[in-house]
Amino acid sequence: MAKTLTVGTKVLFTHPTSNGGTVRFSARVVKLQGDSVWVEMPERVRAMPFPPIGGKRYGLYKLSDLVVAL
């Protein structure tokens, strides 16, 4: 990880779509919790068919799994 994560930092995600493609999007960090990070998914991503994390607004991810958007 090249950049330090803070609240408000954008992180990148790639998620498969129902038609076999993939969608790439960024989401903002809203809370740091030890070696985990709470991320707020954008509304447009939550509205997709078969959205990441079941369409929930917030998701908890391991810090080491995230890629910071430059």
Protein backbone atom coordinates (compact mmCIF):
# COMPACT_ATOMS: atom_id res chain seq x y z
CA MET A 1 0.00 0.00 0.00
CA ALA A 2 1.61 3.22 -1.19
CA LYS A 3 -0.67 5.69 0.61
CA THR A 4 -1.77 5.72 4.25
CA LEU A 5 -5.45 5.07 4.81
CA THR A 6 -7.42 7.72 6.66
CA VAL A 7 -11.13 8.47 6.93
CA GLY A 8 -12.27 9.81 3.55
CA THR A 9 -9.66 7.91 1.52
CA LYS A 10 -11.02 6.23 -1.62
CA VAL A 11 -10.34 2.53 -2.11
CA LEU A 12 -10.85 0.50 -5.29
CA PHE A 13 -13.04 -2.56 -5.76
CA THR A 14 -13.74 -4.93 -8.65
CA HIS A 15 -17.00 -6.89 -8.59
CA PRO A 16 -18.44 -9.40 -11.09
CA THR A 17 -21.76 -8.59 -12.76
CA SER A 18 -24.63 -10.96 -13.53
CA ASN A 19 -23.86 -10.91 -17.29
CA GLY A 20 -20.29 -12.16 -16.84
CA GLY A 21 -18.55 -8.78 -16.89
CA THR A 22 -16.94 -6.84 -14.10
CA VAL A 23 -17.46 -3.38 -12.66
CA ARG A 24 -14.68 -1.35 -11.07
CA PHE A 25 -15.59 1.37 -8.57
CA SER A 26 -14.21 3.36 -5.68
CA ALA A 27 -15.69 3.71 -2.20
CA ARG A 28 -14.80 5.91 0.77
CA VAL A 29 -13.36 4.80 4.08
CA VAL A 30 -15.66 5.93 6.91
CA LYS A 31 -14.06 4.34 9.98
CA LEU A 32 -10.77 2.70 10.98
CA GLN A 33 -11.03 -0.14 13.47
CA GLY A 34 -7.66 -1.73 14.27
CA ASP A 35 -6.58 -3.78 11.25
CA SER A 36 -10.08 -3.49 9.70
CA VAL A 37 -11.74 -0.66 7.80
CA TRP A 38 -15.40 0.30 7.37
CA VAL A 39 -16.19 1.34 3.80
CA GLU A 40 -19.35 3.05 2.49
CA MET A 41 -20.54 1.62 -0.82
CA PRO A 42 -21.84 4.15 -3.37
CA GLU A 43 -25.60 4.20 -3.95
CA ARG A 44 -25.20 3.33 -7.65
CA VAL A 45 -23.29 0.17 -6.69
CA ARG A 46 -25.86 -0.84 -4.06
CA ALA A 47 -28.60 -0.52 -6.73
CA MET A 48 -26.93 -3.07 -9.07
CA PRO A 49 -28.44 -6.52 -9.52
CA PHE A 50 -26.50 -8.82 -7.15
CA PRO A 51 -24.54 -5.99 -5.45
CA PRO A 52 -21.44 -6.48 -3.31
CA ILE A 53 -22.09 -7.24 0.37
CA GLY A 54 -25.75 -7.88 -0.38
CA GLY A 55 -26.58 -4.23 -1.08
CA LYS A 56 -25.65 -3.05 2.40
CA ARG A 57 -24.42 0.50 2.78
CA TYR A 58 -21.35 -0.28 4.92
CA GLY A 59 -18.90 -3.15 4.77
CA LEU A 60 -16.01 -4.22 6.99
CA TYR A 61 -12.78 -5.16 5.17
CA LYS A 62 -9.29 -6.16 6.22
CA LEU A 63 -6.86 -3.28 5.78
CA SER A 64 -4.35 -5.49 3.96
CA ASP A 65 -6.95 -6.43 1.29
CA LEU A 66 -7.69 -2.87 0.16
CA VAL A 67 -6.13 -0.94 -2.72
CA VAL A 68 -5.97 2.84 -2.36
CA ALA A 69 -7.15 4.94 -5.34
CA LEU A 70 -4.52 7.40 -6.44
